[in-house]
Amino acid sequence: MQKYLTTLGRILLAQIFLVQVVALIINFMNNPNGYQEYQAGLGSLGLPGIFAPLIILINLVGGLALFLGYKTKGVALAMTIYVIALIFLLNLPLLQYLAIAGGLLLLYANPNTACSLDNCKKSA
């Protein structure tokens, strides 16, 4: 039962990043200037335009890796560092994103979850 609860936690953490990517893509498709507005929004926070595709890429790759359970321990640590960096770079809500970082750290400490690619490689 414990492995299935951690699997659920892993999937719920992954959805935070994946839903953000899907929402951005929908916004870009519905608004012809959506991507430029996204870049401008990041620019207003002092980030150069190159950060727009990097943030999307990190959210997509990290979210998919967590969702699939691929290299869970390393991805959880990398996404923790990423989330903490975003708190300071984008002035995100501190407690909410620290809670996400805490969940990622728990996943880092307990990366063995059911239904993951990491477990498929071990049993093969």
PDB file of N, CA and C in Angstrom:
ATOM      1  N   MET A   1       0.818  -1.196   0.000  1.00  0.00           N
ATOM      2  CA  MET A   1       0.000   0.000   0.000  1.00  0.00           C
ATOM      3  C   MET A   1       0.862   1.260   0.000  1.00  0.00           C
ATOM      4  N   GLN A   2       1.974   1.203   0.741  1.00  0.00           N
ATOM      5  CA  GLN A   2       2.868   2.364   0.852  1.00  0.00           C
ATOM      6  C   GLN A   2       3.401   2.777  -0.523  1.00  0.00           C
ATOM      7  N   LYS A   3       3.786   1.791  -1.348  1.00  0.00           N
ATOM      8  CA  LYS A   3       4.311   2.120  -2.669  1.00  0.00           C
ATOM      9  C   LYS A   3       3.259   2.795  -3.544  1.00  0.00           C
ATOM     10  N   TYR A   4       2.014   2.406  -3.387  1.00  0.00           N
ATOM     11  CA  TYR A   4       0.964   3.003  -4.206  1.00  0.00           C
ATOM     12  C   TYR A   4       0.644   4.421  -3.755  1.00  0.00           C
ATOM     13  N   LEU A   5       0.768   4.688  -2.470  1.00  0.00           N
ATOM     14  CA  LEU A   5       0.576   6.060  -1.996  1.00  0.00           C
ATOM     15  C   LEU A   5       1.696   6.972  -2.482  1.00  0.00           C
ATOM     16  N   THR A   6       2.924   6.460  -2.478  1.00  0.00           N
ATOM     17  CA  THR A   6       4.022   7.283  -2.995  1.00  0.00           C
ATOM     18  C   THR A   6       3.901   7.460  -4.508  1.00  0.00           C
ATOM     19  N   THR A   7       3.350   6.466  -5.187  1.00  0.00           N
ATOM     20  CA  THR A   7       3.095   6.613  -6.624  1.00  0.00           C
ATOM     21  C   THR A   7       2.074   7.717  -6.868  1.00  0.00           C
ATOM     22  N   LEU A   8       1.033   7.734  -6.080  1.00  0.00           N
ATOM     23  CA  LEU A   8       0.024   8.781  -6.201  1.00  0.00           C
ATOM     24  C   LEU A   8       0.658  10.152  -5.927  1.00  0.00           C
ATOM     25  N   GLY A   9       1.497  10.237  -4.916  1.00  0.00           N
ATOM     26  CA  GLY A   9       2.199  11.489  -4.621  1.00  0.00           C
ATOM     27  C   GLY A   9       3.084  11.923  -5.772  1.00  0.00           C
ATOM     28  N   ARG A  10       3.787  10.961  -6.370  1.00  0.00           N
ATOM     29  CA  ARG A  10       4.657  11.269  -7.511  1.00  0.00           C
ATOM     30  C   ARG A  10       3.849  11.810  -8.681  1.00  0.00           C
ATOM     31  N   ILE A  11       2.712  11.192  -8.958  1.00  0.00           N
ATOM     32  CA  ILE A  11       1.871  11.623 -10.079  1.00  0.00           C
ATOM     33  C   ILE A  11       1.256  12.994  -9.796  1.00  0.00           C
ATOM     34  N   LEU A  12       0.838  13.232  -8.558  1.00  0.00           N
ATOM     35  CA  LEU A  12       0.256  14.533  -8.220  1.00  0.00           C
ATOM     36  C   LEU A  12       1.302  15.642  -8.291  1.00  0.00           C
ATOM     37  N   LEU A  13       2.529  15.354  -7.912  1.00  0.00           N
ATOM     38  CA  LEU A  13       3.596  16.351  -8.053  1.00  0.00           C
ATOM     39  C   LEU A  13       3.888  16.607  -9.528  1.00  0.00           C
ATOM     40  N   ALA A  14       3.873  15.566 -10.330  1.00  0.00           N
ATOM     41  CA  ALA A  14       4.139  15.719 -11.769  1.00  0.00           C
ATOM     42  C   ALA A  14       3.076  16.579 -12.437  1.00  0.00           C
ATOM     43  N   GLN A  15       1.824  16.423 -12.009  1.00  0.00           N
ATOM     44  CA  GLN A  15       0.748  17.171 -12.666  1.00  0.00           C
ATOM     45  C   GLN A  15       0.888  18.669 -12.479  1.00  0.00           C
ATOM     46  N   ILE A  16       1.523  19.111 -11.399  1.00  0.00           N
ATOM     47  CA  ILE A  16       1.738  20.548 -11.184  1.00  0.00           C
ATOM     48  C   ILE A  16       2.502  21.129 -12.367  1.00  0.00           C
ATOM     49  N   PHE A  17       3.547  20.436 -12.780  1.00  0.00           N
ATOM     50  CA  PHE A  17       4.392  20.917 -13.865  1.00  0.00           C
ATOM     51  C   PHE A  17       3.746  20.697 -15.225  1.00  0.00           C
ATOM     52  N   LEU A  18       3.106  19.543 -15.410  1.00  0.00           N
ATOM     53  CA  LEU A  18       2.512  19.221 -16.710  1.00  0.00           C
ATOM     54  C   LEU A  18       1.287  20.078 -17.016  1.00  0.00           C
ATOM     55  N   VAL A  19       0.459  20.331 -16.023  1.00  0.00           N
ATOM     56  CA  VAL A  19      -0.730  21.163 -16.246  1.00  0.00           C
ATOM     57  C   VAL A  19      -0.315  22.587 -16.600  1.00  0.00           C
ATOM     58  N   GLN A  20       0.766  23.061 -15.998  1.00  0.00           N
ATOM     59  CA  GLN A  20       1.247  24.404 -16.336  1.00  0.00           C
ATOM     60  C   GLN A  20       1.669  24.470 -17.804  1.00  0.00           C
ATOM     61  N   VAL A  21       2.345  23.440 -18.296  1.00  0.00           N
ATOM     62  CA  VAL A  21       2.761  23.411 -19.702  1.00  0.00           C
ATOM     63  C   VAL A  21       1.541  23.366 -20.612  1.00  0.00           C
ATOM     64  N   VAL A  22       0.572  22.516 -20.280  1.00  0.00           N
ATOM     65  CA  VAL A  22      -0.641  22.416 -21.098  1.00  0.00           C
ATOM     66  C   VAL A  22      -1.379  23.752 -21.118  1.00  0.00           C
ATOM     67  N   ALA A  23      -1.486  24.410 -19.966  1.00  0.00           N
ATOM     68  CA  ALA A  23      -2.163  25.712 -19.902  1.00  0.00           C
ATOM     69  C   ALA A  23      -1.430  26.746 -20.749  1.00  0.00           C
ATOM     70  N   LEU A  24      -0.111  26.739 -20.715  1.00  0.00           N
ATOM     71  CA  LEU A  24       0.655  27.680 -21.535  1.00  0.00           C
ATOM     72  C   LEU A  24       0.441  27.418 -23.022  1.00  0.00           C
ATOM     73  N   ILE A  25       0.473  26.160 -23.416  1.00  0.00           N
ATOM     74  CA  ILE A  25       0.284  25.812 -24.828  1.00  0.00           C
ATOM     75  C   ILE A  25      -1.117  26.213 -25.296  1.00  0.00           C
ATOM     76  N   ILE A  26      -2.118  25.966 -24.474  1.00  0.00           N
ATOM     77  CA  ILE A  26      -3.483  26.370 -24.829  1.00  0.00           C
ATOM     78  C   ILE A  26      -3.556  27.882 -24.971  1.00  0.00           C
ATOM     79  N   ASN A  27      -2.910  28.594 -24.059  1.00  0.00           N
ATOM     80  CA  ASN A  27      -2.890  30.055 -24.139  1.00  0.00           C
ATOM     81  C   ASN A  27      -2.179  30.525 -25.411  1.00  0.00           C
ATOM     82  N   PHE A  28      -1.088  29.874 -25.757  1.00  0.00           N
ATOM     83  CA  PHE A  28      -0.346  30.255 -26.965  1.00  0.00           C
ATOM     84  C   PHE A  28      -1.180  30.010 -28.218  1.00  0.00           C
ATOM     85  N   MET A  29      -1.964  28.932 -28.229  1.00  0.00           N
ATOM     86  CA  MET A  29      -2.770  28.604 -29.403  1.00  0.00           C
ATOM     87  C   MET A  29      -3.993  29.515 -29.529  1.00  0.00           C
ATOM     88  N   ASN A  30      -4.551  29.930 -28.397  1.00  0.00           N
ATOM     89  CA  ASN A  30      -5.751  30.768 -28.421  1.00  0.00           C
ATOM     90  C   ASN A  30      -5.438  32.247 -28.599  1.00  0.00           C
ATOM     91  N   ASN A  31      -4.233  32.629 -28.294  1.00  0.00           N
ATOM     92  CA  ASN A  31      -3.842  34.034 -28.369  1.00  0.00           C
ATOM     93  C   ASN A  31      -2.621  34.140 -29.272  1.00  0.00           C
ATOM     94  N   PRO A  32      -2.740  34.787 -30.425  1.00  0.00           N
ATOM     95  CA  PRO A  32      -1.610  34.857 -31.360  1.00  0.00           C
ATOM     96  C   PRO A  32      -0.360  35.487 -30.741  1.00  0.00           C
ATOM     97  N   ASN A  33      -0.541  36.354 -29.768  1.00  0.00           N
ATOM     98  CA  ASN A  33       0.601  36.991 -29.117  1.00  0.00           C
ATOM     99  C   ASN A  33       0.895  36.381 -27.749  1.00  0.00           C
ATOM    100  N   GLY A  34       0.367  35.204 -27.486  1.00  0.00           N
ATOM    101  CA  GLY A  34       0.510  34.589 -26.168  1.00  0.00           C
ATOM    102  C   GLY A  34       1.947  34.349 -25.764  1.00  0.00           C
ATOM    103  N   TYR A  35       2.753  33.834 -26.675  1.00  0.00           N
ATOM    104  CA  TYR A  35       4.149  33.552 -26.339  1.00  0.00           C
ATOM    105  C   TYR A  35       4.913  34.846 -26.082  1.00  0.00           C
ATOM    106  N   GLN A  36       4.678  35.847 -26.909  1.00  0.00           N
ATOM    107  CA  GLN A  36       5.350  37.134 -26.709  1.00  0.00           C
ATOM    108  C   GLN A  36       4.920  37.767 -25.384  1.00  0.00           C
ATOM    109  N   GLU A  37       3.643  37.623 -25.046  1.00  0.00           N
ATOM    110  CA  GLU A  37       3.159  38.142 -23.772  1.00  0.00           C
ATOM    111  C   GLU A  37       3.794  37.390 -22.603  1.00  0.00           C
ATOM    112  N   TYR A  38       3.967  36.082 -22.762  1.00  0.00           N
ATOM    113  CA  TYR A  38       4.633  35.280 -21.732  1.00  0.00           C
ATOM    114  C   TYR A  38       6.076  35.749 -21.546  1.00  0.00           C
ATOM    115  N   GLN A  39       6.777  35.945 -22.662  1.00  0.00           N
ATOM    116  CA  GLN A  39       8.152  36.453 -22.587  1.00  0.00           C
ATOM    117  C   GLN A  39       8.185  37.838 -21.947  1.00  0.00           C
ATOM    118  N   ALA A  40       7.242  38.694 -22.307  1.00  0.00           N
ATOM    119  CA  ALA A  40       7.183  40.036 -21.737  1.00  0.00           C
ATOM    120  C   ALA A  40       6.910  39.981 -20.239  1.00  0.00           C
ATOM    121  N   GLY A  41       6.053  39.066 -19.837  1.00  0.00           N
ATOM    122  CA  GLY A  41       5.770  38.899 -18.410  1.00  0.00           C
ATOM    123  C   GLY A  41       7.007  38.488 -17.638  1.00  0.00           C
ATOM    124  N   LEU A  42       7.786  37.573 -18.224  1.00  0.00           N
ATOM    125  CA  LEU A  42       9.046  37.188 -17.577  1.00  0.00           C
ATOM    126  C   LEU A  42      10.037  38.344 -17.604  1.00  0.00           C
ATOM    127  N   GLY A  43      10.022  39.113 -18.697  1.00  0.00           N
ATOM    128  CA  GLY A  43      10.900  40.266 -18.805  1.00  0.00           C
ATOM    129  C   GLY A  43      10.591  41.322 -17.763  1.00  0.00           C
ATOM    130  N   SER A  44       9.303  41.459 -17.431  1.00  0.00           N
ATOM    131  CA  SER A  44       8.934  42.445 -16.405  1.00  0.00           C
ATOM    132  C   SER A  44       9.463  42.037 -15.031  1.00  0.00           C
ATOM    133  N   LEU A  45       9.796  40.756 -14.883  1.00  0.00           N
ATOM    134  CA  LEU A  45      10.388  40.283 -13.631  1.00  0.00           C
ATOM    135  C   LEU A  45      11.914  40.289 -13.688  1.00  0.00           C
ATOM    136  N   GLY A  46      12.447  40.788 -14.805  1.00  0.00           N
ATOM    137  CA  GLY A  46      13.892  40.896 -14.938  1.00  0.00           C
ATOM    138  C   GLY A  46      14.568  39.699 -15.589  1.00  0.00           C
ATOM    139  N   LEU A  47      13.787  38.794 -16.168  1.00  0.00           N
ATOM    140  CA  LEU A  47      14.370  37.621 -16.815  1.00  0.00           C
ATOM    141  C   LEU A  47      14.426  37.828 -18.319  1.00  0.00           C
ATOM    142  N   PRO A  48      15.552  37.498 -18.957  1.00  0.00           N
ATOM    143  CA  PRO A  48      15.631  37.623 -20.414  1.00  0.00           C
ATOM    144  C   PRO A  48      14.686  36.634 -21.105  1.00  0.00           C
ATOM    145  N   GLY A  49      14.407  36.883 -22.363  1.00  0.00           N
ATOM    146  CA  GLY A  49      13.475  36.066 -23.137  1.00  0.00           C
ATOM    147  C   GLY A  49      13.861  34.608 -23.242  1.00  0.00           C
ATOM    148  N   ILE A  50      15.144  34.280 -23.113  1.00  0.00           N
ATOM    149  CA  ILE A  50      15.596  32.886 -23.228  1.00  0.00           C
ATOM    150  C   ILE A  50      15.000  32.011 -22.125  1.00  0.00           C
ATOM    151  N   PHE A  51      14.580  32.631 -21.028  1.00  0.00           N
ATOM    152  CA  PHE A  51      14.027  31.850 -19.935  1.00  0.00           C
ATOM    153  C   PHE A  51      12.647  31.279 -20.265  1.00  0.00           C
ATOM    154  N   ALA A  52      11.924  31.878 -21.193  1.00  0.00           N
ATOM    155  CA  ALA A  52      10.584  31.388 -21.541  1.00  0.00           C
ATOM    156  C   ALA A  52      10.628  29.947 -22.050  1.00  0.00           C
ATOM    157  N   PRO A  53      11.420  29.633 -23.090  1.00  0.00           N
ATOM    158  CA  PRO A  53      11.444  28.234 -23.531  1.00  0.00           C
ATOM    159  C   PRO A  53      12.120  27.307 -22.524  1.00  0.00           C
ATOM    160  N   LEU A  54      13.080  27.833 -21.758  1.00  0.00           N
ATOM    161  CA  LEU A  54      13.739  26.991 -20.755  1.00  0.00           C
ATOM    162  C   LEU A  54      12.768  26.564 -19.660  1.00  0.00           C
ATOM    163  N   ILE A  55      11.951  27.488 -19.206  1.00  0.00           N
ATOM    164  CA  ILE A  55      10.972  27.159 -18.168  1.00  0.00           C
ATOM    165  C   ILE A  55       9.971  26.132 -18.693  1.00  0.00           C
ATOM    166  N   ILE A  56       9.512  26.327 -19.914  1.00  0.00           N
ATOM    167  CA  ILE A  56       8.566  25.373 -20.514  1.00  0.00           C
ATOM    168  C   ILE A  56       9.219  24.000 -20.656  1.00  0.00           C
ATOM    169  N   LEU A  57      10.454  23.970 -21.130  1.00  0.00           N
ATOM    170  CA  LEU A  57      11.169  22.698 -21.324  1.00  0.00           C
ATOM    171  C   LEU A  57      11.406  21.982 -19.999  1.00  0.00           C
ATOM    172  N   ILE A  58      11.840  22.702 -18.988  1.00  0.00           N
ATOM    173  CA  ILE A  58      12.095  22.082 -17.684  1.00  0.00           C
ATOM    174  C   ILE A  58      10.800  21.541 -17.092  1.00  0.00           C
ATOM    175  N   ASN A  59       9.719  22.318 -17.184  1.00  0.00           N
ATOM    176  CA  ASN A  59       8.428  21.838 -16.678  1.00  0.00           C
ATOM    177  C   ASN A  59       7.978  20.586 -17.416  1.00  0.00           C
ATOM    178  N   LEU A  60       8.142  20.568 -18.728  1.00  0.00           N
ATOM    179  CA  LEU A  60       7.704  19.429 -19.530  1.00  0.00           C
ATOM    180  C   LEU A  60       8.548  18.190 -19.255  1.00  0.00           C
ATOM    181  N   VAL A  61       9.855  18.318 -19.345  1.00  0.00           N
ATOM    182  CA  VAL A  61      10.741  17.158 -19.165  1.00  0.00           C
ATOM    183  C   VAL A  61      10.693  16.666 -17.717  1.00  0.00           C
ATOM    184  N   GLY A  62      10.779  17.597 -16.766  1.00  0.00           N
ATOM    185  CA  GLY A  62      10.731  17.197 -15.359  1.00  0.00           C
ATOM    186  C   GLY A  62       9.394  16.590 -14.985  1.00  0.00           C
ATOM    187  N   GLY A  63       8.311  17.192 -15.458  1.00  0.00           N
ATOM    188  CA  GLY A  63       6.980  16.665 -15.173  1.00  0.00           C
ATOM    189  C   GLY A  63       6.768  15.279 -15.760  1.00  0.00           C
ATOM    190  N   LEU A  64       7.198  15.085 -17.004  1.00  0.00           N
ATOM    191  CA  LEU A  64       7.069  13.759 -17.624  1.00  0.00           C
ATOM    192  C   LEU A  64       7.926  12.712 -16.918  1.00  0.00           C
ATOM    193  N   ALA A  65       9.141  13.088 -16.547  1.00  0.00           N
ATOM    194  CA  ALA A  65      10.016  12.150 -15.841  1.00  0.00           C
ATOM    195  C   ALA A  65       9.410  11.746 -14.504  1.00  0.00           C
ATOM    196  N   LEU A  66       8.854  12.705 -13.783  1.00  0.00           N
ATOM    197  CA  LEU A  66       8.198  12.358 -12.523  1.00  0.00           C
ATOM    198  C   LEU A  66       6.961  11.505 -12.770  1.00  0.00           C
ATOM    199  N   PHE A  67       6.160  11.872 -13.750  1.00  0.00           N
ATOM    200  CA  PHE A  67       4.938  11.128 -14.050  1.00  0.00           C
ATOM    201  C   PHE A  67       5.248   9.672 -14.395  1.00  0.00           C
ATOM    202  N   LEU A  68       6.284   9.463 -15.195  1.00  0.00           N
ATOM    203  CA  LEU A  68       6.645   8.112 -15.620  1.00  0.00           C
ATOM    204  C   LEU A  68       7.535   7.387 -14.613  1.00  0.00           C
ATOM    205  N   GLY A  69       8.060   8.116 -13.645  1.00  0.00           N
ATOM    206  CA  GLY A  69       8.943   7.495 -12.666  1.00  0.00           C
ATOM    207  C   GLY A  69      10.306   7.173 -13.245  1.00  0.00           C
ATOM    208  N   TYR A  70      10.814   8.036 -14.092  1.00  0.00           N
ATOM    209  CA  TYR A  70      12.116   7.824 -14.725  1.00  0.00           C
ATOM    210  C   TYR A  70      13.178   8.626 -13.981  1.00  0.00           C
ATOM    211  N   LYS A  71      14.174   7.932 -13.462  1.00  0.00           N
ATOM    212  CA  LYS A  71      15.252   8.573 -12.689  1.00  0.00           C
ATOM    213  C   LYS A  71      14.661   9.490 -11.622  1.00  0.00           C
ATOM    214  N   THR A  72      13.749   8.918 -10.865  1.00  0.00           N
ATOM    215  CA  THR A  72      12.933   9.676  -9.923  1.00  0.00           C
ATOM    216  C   THR A  72      13.764  10.452  -8.913  1.00  0.00           C
ATOM    217  N   LYS A  73      14.777   9.821  -8.353  1.00  0.00           N
ATOM    218  CA  LYS A  73      15.564  10.470  -7.302  1.00  0.00           C
ATOM    219  C   LYS A  73      16.269  11.721  -7.836  1.00  0.00           C
ATOM    220  N   GLY A  74      16.946  11.601  -8.956  1.00  0.00           N
ATOM    221  CA  GLY A  74      17.665  12.731  -9.530  1.00  0.00           C
ATOM    222  C   GLY A  74      16.732  13.832 -10.017  1.00  0.00           C
ATOM    223  N   VAL A  75      15.640  13.438 -10.649  1.00  0.00           N
ATOM    224  CA  VAL A  75      14.679  14.423 -11.155  1.00  0.00           C
ATOM    225  C   VAL A  75      14.010  15.150  -9.999  1.00  0.00           C
ATOM    226  N   ALA A  76      13.685  14.447  -8.930  1.00  0.00           N
ATOM    227  CA  ALA A  76      13.059  15.084  -7.775  1.00  0.00           C
ATOM    228  C   ALA A  76      13.993  16.132  -7.167  1.00  0.00           C
ATOM    229  N   LEU A  77      15.279  15.816  -7.071  1.00  0.00           N
ATOM    230  CA  LEU A  77      16.234  16.787  -6.531  1.00  0.00           C
ATOM    231  C   LEU A  77      16.394  17.977  -7.472  1.00  0.00           C
ATOM    232  N   ALA A  78      16.488  17.710  -8.771  1.00  0.00           N
ATOM    233  CA  ALA A  78      16.631  18.797  -9.750  1.00  0.00           C
ATOM    234  C   ALA A  78      15.401  19.695  -9.748  1.00  0.00           C
ATOM    235  N   MET A  79      14.221  19.106  -9.668  1.00  0.00           N
ATOM    236  CA  MET A  79      12.993  19.908  -9.660  1.00  0.00           C
ATOM    237  C   MET A  79      12.852  20.689  -8.349  1.00  0.00           C
ATOM    238  N   THR A  80      13.378  20.149  -7.253  1.00  0.00           N
ATOM    239  CA  THR A  80      13.386  20.891  -5.992  1.00  0.00           C
ATOM    240  C   THR A  80      14.217  22.159  -6.128  1.00  0.00           C
ATOM    241  N   ILE A  81      15.397  22.025  -6.686  1.00  0.00           N
ATOM    242  CA  ILE A  81      16.274  23.182  -6.895  1.00  0.00           C
ATOM    243  C   ILE A  81      15.603  24.172  -7.840  1.00  0.00           C
ATOM    244  N   TYR A  82      14.973  23.661  -8.881  1.00  0.00           N
ATOM    245  CA  TYR A  82      14.267  24.499  -9.850  1.00  0.00           C
ATOM    246  C   TYR A  82      13.134  25.283  -9.189  1.00  0.00           C
ATOM    247  N   VAL A  83      12.331  24.610  -8.373  1.00  0.00           N
ATOM    248  CA  VAL A  83      11.200  25.267  -7.708  1.00  0.00           C
ATOM    249  C   VAL A  83      11.698  26.355  -6.761  1.00  0.00           C
ATOM    250  N   ILE A  84      12.751  26.066  -6.012  1.00  0.00           N
ATOM    251  CA  ILE A  84      13.283  27.065  -5.085  1.00  0.00           C
ATOM    252  C   ILE A  84      13.849  28.256  -5.861  1.00  0.00           C
ATOM    253  N   ALA A  85      14.498  27.995  -6.983  1.00  0.00           N
ATOM    254  CA  ALA A  85      15.002  29.094  -7.815  1.00  0.00           C
ATOM    255  C   ALA A  85      13.846  29.941  -8.351  1.00  0.00           C
ATOM    256  N   LEU A  86      12.760  29.291  -8.764  1.00  0.00           N
ATOM    257  CA  LEU A  86      11.607  30.030  -9.277  1.00  0.00           C
ATOM    258  C   LEU A  86      10.971  30.916  -8.216  1.00  0.00           C
ATOM    259  N   ILE A  87      11.001  30.464  -6.972  1.00  0.00           N
ATOM    260  CA  ILE A  87      10.442  31.280  -5.888  1.00  0.00           C
ATOM    261  C   ILE A  87      11.102  32.650  -5.886  1.00  0.00           C
ATOM    262  N   PHE A  88      12.423  32.655  -6.020  1.00  0.00           N
ATOM    263  CA  PHE A  88      13.161  33.912  -5.956  1.00  0.00           C
ATOM    264  C   PHE A  88      13.143  34.672  -7.277  1.00  0.00           C
ATOM    265  N   LEU A  89      13.200  33.960  -8.408  1.00  0.00           N
ATOM    266  CA  LEU A  89      13.240  34.627  -9.705  1.00  0.00           C
ATOM    267  C   LEU A  89      11.893  35.231 -10.104  1.00  0.00           C
ATOM    268  N   LEU A  90      10.815  34.536  -9.782  1.00  0.00           N
ATOM    269  CA  LEU A  90       9.496  34.962 -10.248  1.00  0.00           C
ATOM    270  C   LEU A  90       8.597  35.485  -9.130  1.00  0.00           C
ATOM    271  N   ASN A  91       9.128  35.616  -7.935  1.00  0.00           N
ATOM    272  CA  ASN A  91       8.342  36.087  -6.792  1.00  0.00           C
ATOM    273  C   ASN A  91       7.052  35.287  -6.623  1.00  0.00           C
ATOM    274  N   LEU A  92       7.193  33.963  -6.645  1.00  0.00           N
ATOM    275  CA  LEU A  92       6.037  33.079  -6.495  1.00  0.00           C
ATOM    276  C   LEU A  92       5.635  32.994  -5.029  1.00  0.00           C
ATOM    277  N   PRO A  93       4.402  32.538  -4.750  1.00  0.00           N
ATOM    278  CA  PRO A  93       3.953  32.401  -3.355  1.00  0.00           C
ATOM    279  C   PRO A  93       4.884  31.462  -2.577  1.00  0.00           C
ATOM    280  N   LEU A  94       5.521  32.003  -1.563  1.00  0.00           N
ATOM    281  CA  LEU A  94       6.579  31.293  -0.853  1.00  0.00           C
ATOM    282  C   LEU A  94       6.115  29.979  -0.243  1.00  0.00           C
ATOM    283  N   LEU A  95       5.089  30.011   0.569  1.00  0.00           N
ATOM    284  CA  LEU A  95       4.689  28.804   1.290  1.00  0.00           C
ATOM    285  C   LEU A  95       4.164  27.714   0.352  1.00  0.00           C
ATOM    286  N   GLN A  96       3.445  28.112  -0.666  1.00  0.00           N
ATOM    287  CA  GLN A  96       2.908  27.131  -1.612  1.00  0.00           C
ATOM    288  C   GLN A  96       4.045  26.395  -2.326  1.00  0.00           C
ATOM    289  N   TYR A  97       5.019  27.127  -2.790  1.00  0.00           N
ATOM    290  CA  TYR A  97       6.104  26.495  -3.539  1.00  0.00           C
ATOM    291  C   TYR A  97       7.115  25.805  -2.629  1.00  0.00           C
ATOM    292  N   LEU A  98       7.234  26.250  -1.385  1.00  0.00           N
ATOM    293  CA  LEU A  98       8.050  25.499  -0.433  1.00  0.00           C
ATOM    294  C   LEU A  98       7.397  24.159  -0.112  1.00  0.00           C
ATOM    295  N   ALA A  99       6.069  24.123  -0.096  1.00  0.00           N
ATOM    296  CA  ALA A  99       5.355  22.862   0.117  1.00  0.00           C
ATOM    297  C   ALA A  99       5.604  21.907  -1.052  1.00  0.00           C
ATOM    298  N   ILE A 100       5.619  22.429  -2.272  1.00  0.00           N
ATOM    299  CA  ILE A 100       5.926  21.602  -3.438  1.00  0.00           C
ATOM    300  C   ILE A 100       7.354  21.079  -3.337  1.00  0.00           C
ATOM    301  N   ALA A 101       8.286  21.956  -2.950  1.00  0.00           N
ATOM    302  CA  ALA A 101       9.677  21.535  -2.778  1.00  0.00           C
ATOM    303  C   ALA A 101       9.781  20.463  -1.699  1.00  0.00           C
ATOM    304  N   GLY A 102       8.997  20.600  -0.635  1.00  0.00           N
ATOM    305  CA  GLY A 102       8.998  19.583   0.412  1.00  0.00           C
ATOM    306  C   GLY A 102       8.505  18.233  -0.101  1.00  0.00           C
ATOM    307  N   GLY A 103       7.462  18.245  -0.907  1.00  0.00           N
ATOM    308  CA  GLY A 103       6.973  17.001  -1.500  1.00  0.00           C
ATOM    309  C   GLY A 103       8.000  16.372  -2.422  1.00  0.00           C
ATOM    310  N   LEU A 104       8.695  17.200  -3.172  1.00  0.00           N
ATOM    311  CA  LEU A 104       9.751  16.686  -4.048  1.00  0.00           C
ATOM    312  C   LEU A 104      10.907  16.099  -3.245  1.00  0.00           C
ATOM    313  N   LEU A 105      11.237  16.729  -2.121  1.00  0.00           N
ATOM    314  CA  LEU A 105      12.299  16.188  -1.262  1.00  0.00           C
ATOM    315  C   LEU A 105      11.889  14.849  -0.650  1.00  0.00           C
ATOM    316  N   LEU A 106      10.612  14.709  -0.296  1.00  0.00           N
ATOM    317  CA  LEU A 106      10.136  13.405   0.187  1.00  0.00           C
ATOM    318  C   LEU A 106      10.250  12.346  -0.900  1.00  0.00           C
ATOM    319  N   LEU A 107       9.958  12.726  -2.122  1.00  0.00           N
ATOM    320  CA  LEU A 107      10.099  11.807  -3.244  1.00  0.00           C
ATOM    321  C   LEU A 107      11.572  11.472  -3.481  1.00  0.00           C
ATOM    322  N   TYR A 108      12.448  12.442  -3.282  1.00  0.00           N
ATOM    323  CA  TYR A 108      13.894  12.201  -3.386  1.00  0.00           C
ATOM    324  C   TYR A 108      14.328  11.182  -2.334  1.00  0.00           C
ATOM    325  N   ALA A 109      13.800  11.303  -1.124  1.00  0.00           N
ATOM    326  CA  ALA A 109      14.174  10.398  -0.042  1.00  0.00           C
ATOM    327  C   ALA A 109      13.578   9.002  -0.222  1.00  0.00           C
ATOM    328  N   ASN A 110      12.449   8.909  -0.921  1.00  0.00           N
ATOM    329  CA  ASN A 110      11.774   7.632  -1.118  1.00  0.00           C
ATOM    330  C   ASN A 110      11.404   7.477  -2.593  1.00  0.00           C
ATOM    331  N   PRO A 111      12.399   7.248  -3.468  1.00  0.00           N
ATOM    332  CA  PRO A 111      12.125   7.227  -4.902  1.00  0.00           C
ATOM    333  C   PRO A 111      11.523   5.924  -5.427  1.00  0.00           C
ATOM    334  N   ASN A 112      11.509   4.874  -4.614  1.00  0.00           N
ATOM    335  CA  ASN A 112      11.000   3.581  -5.070  1.00  0.00           C
ATOM    336  C   ASN A 112       9.492   3.560  -4.991  1.00  0.00           C
ATOM    337  N   THR A 113       8.862   3.789  -6.130  1.00  0.00           N
ATOM    338  CA  THR A 113       7.409   3.791  -6.196  1.00  0.00           C
ATOM    339  C   THR A 113       6.955   2.745  -7.206  1.00  0.00           C
ATOM    340  N   ALA A 114       5.729   2.288  -7.028  1.00  0.00           N
ATOM    341  CA  ALA A 114       5.164   1.322  -7.963  1.00  0.00           C
ATOM    342  C   ALA A 114       4.890   2.011  -9.297  1.00  0.00           C
ATOM    343  N   CYS A 115       4.727   1.223 -10.323  1.00  0.00           N
ATOM    344  CA  CYS A 115       4.352   1.737 -11.647  1.00  0.00           C
ATOM    345  C   CYS A 115       5.304   2.810 -12.149  1.00  0.00           C
ATOM    346  N   SER A 116       6.592   2.539 -12.064  1.00  0.00           N
ATOM    347  CA  SER A 116       7.574   3.507 -12.556  1.00  0.00           C
ATOM    348  C   SER A 116       8.550   2.832 -13.508  1.00  0.00           C
ATOM    349  N   LEU A 117       9.121   3.628 -14.385  1.00  0.00           N
ATOM    350  CA  LEU A 117      10.121   3.095 -15.309  1.00  0.00           C
ATOM    351  C   LEU A 117      11.368   2.638 -14.564  1.00  0.00           C
ATOM    352  N   ASP A 118      11.661   3.260 -13.442  1.00  0.00           N
ATOM    353  CA  ASP A 118      12.808   2.844 -12.647  1.00  0.00           C
ATOM    354  C   ASP A 118      12.672   1.396 -12.204  1.00  0.00           C
ATOM    355  N   ASN A 119      11.463   0.979 -11.809  1.00  0.00           N
ATOM    356  CA  ASN A 119      11.227  -0.400 -11.384  1.00  0.00           C
ATOM    357  C   ASN A 119      11.240  -1.363 -12.563  1.00  0.00           C
ATOM    358  N   CYS A 120      10.847  -0.933 -13.739  1.00  0.00           N
ATOM    359  CA  CYS A 120      10.866  -1.795 -14.925  1.00  0.00           C
ATOM    360  C   CYS A 120      12.287  -2.183 -15.270  1.00  0.00           C
ATOM    361  N   LYS A 121      13.204  -1.230 -15.153  1.00  0.00           N
ATOM    362  CA  LYS A 121      14.604  -1.505 -15.480  1.00  0.00           C
ATOM    363  C   LYS A 121      15.218  -2.481 -14.480  1.00  0.00           C
ATOM    364  N   LYS A 122      14.822  -2.398 -13.214  1.00  0.00           N
ATOM    365  CA  LYS A 122      15.381  -3.276 -12.185  1.00  0.00           C
ATOM    366  C   LYS A 122      14.950  -4.717 -12.373  1.00  0.00           C
ATOM    367  N   SER A 123      13.690  -4.929 -12.777  1.00  0.00           N
ATOM    368  CA  SER A 123      13.184  -6.285 -12.901  1.00  0.00           C
ATOM    369  C   SER A 123      13.540  -6.932 -14.235  1.00  0.00           C
ATOM    370  N   ALA A 124      13.997  -6.137 -15.196  1.00  0.00           N
ATOM    371  CA  ALA A 124      14.313  -6.696 -16.517  1.00  0.00           C
ATOM    372  C   ALA A 124      15.680  -7.340 -16.516  1.00  0.00           C
TER     373      ALA A 124
END
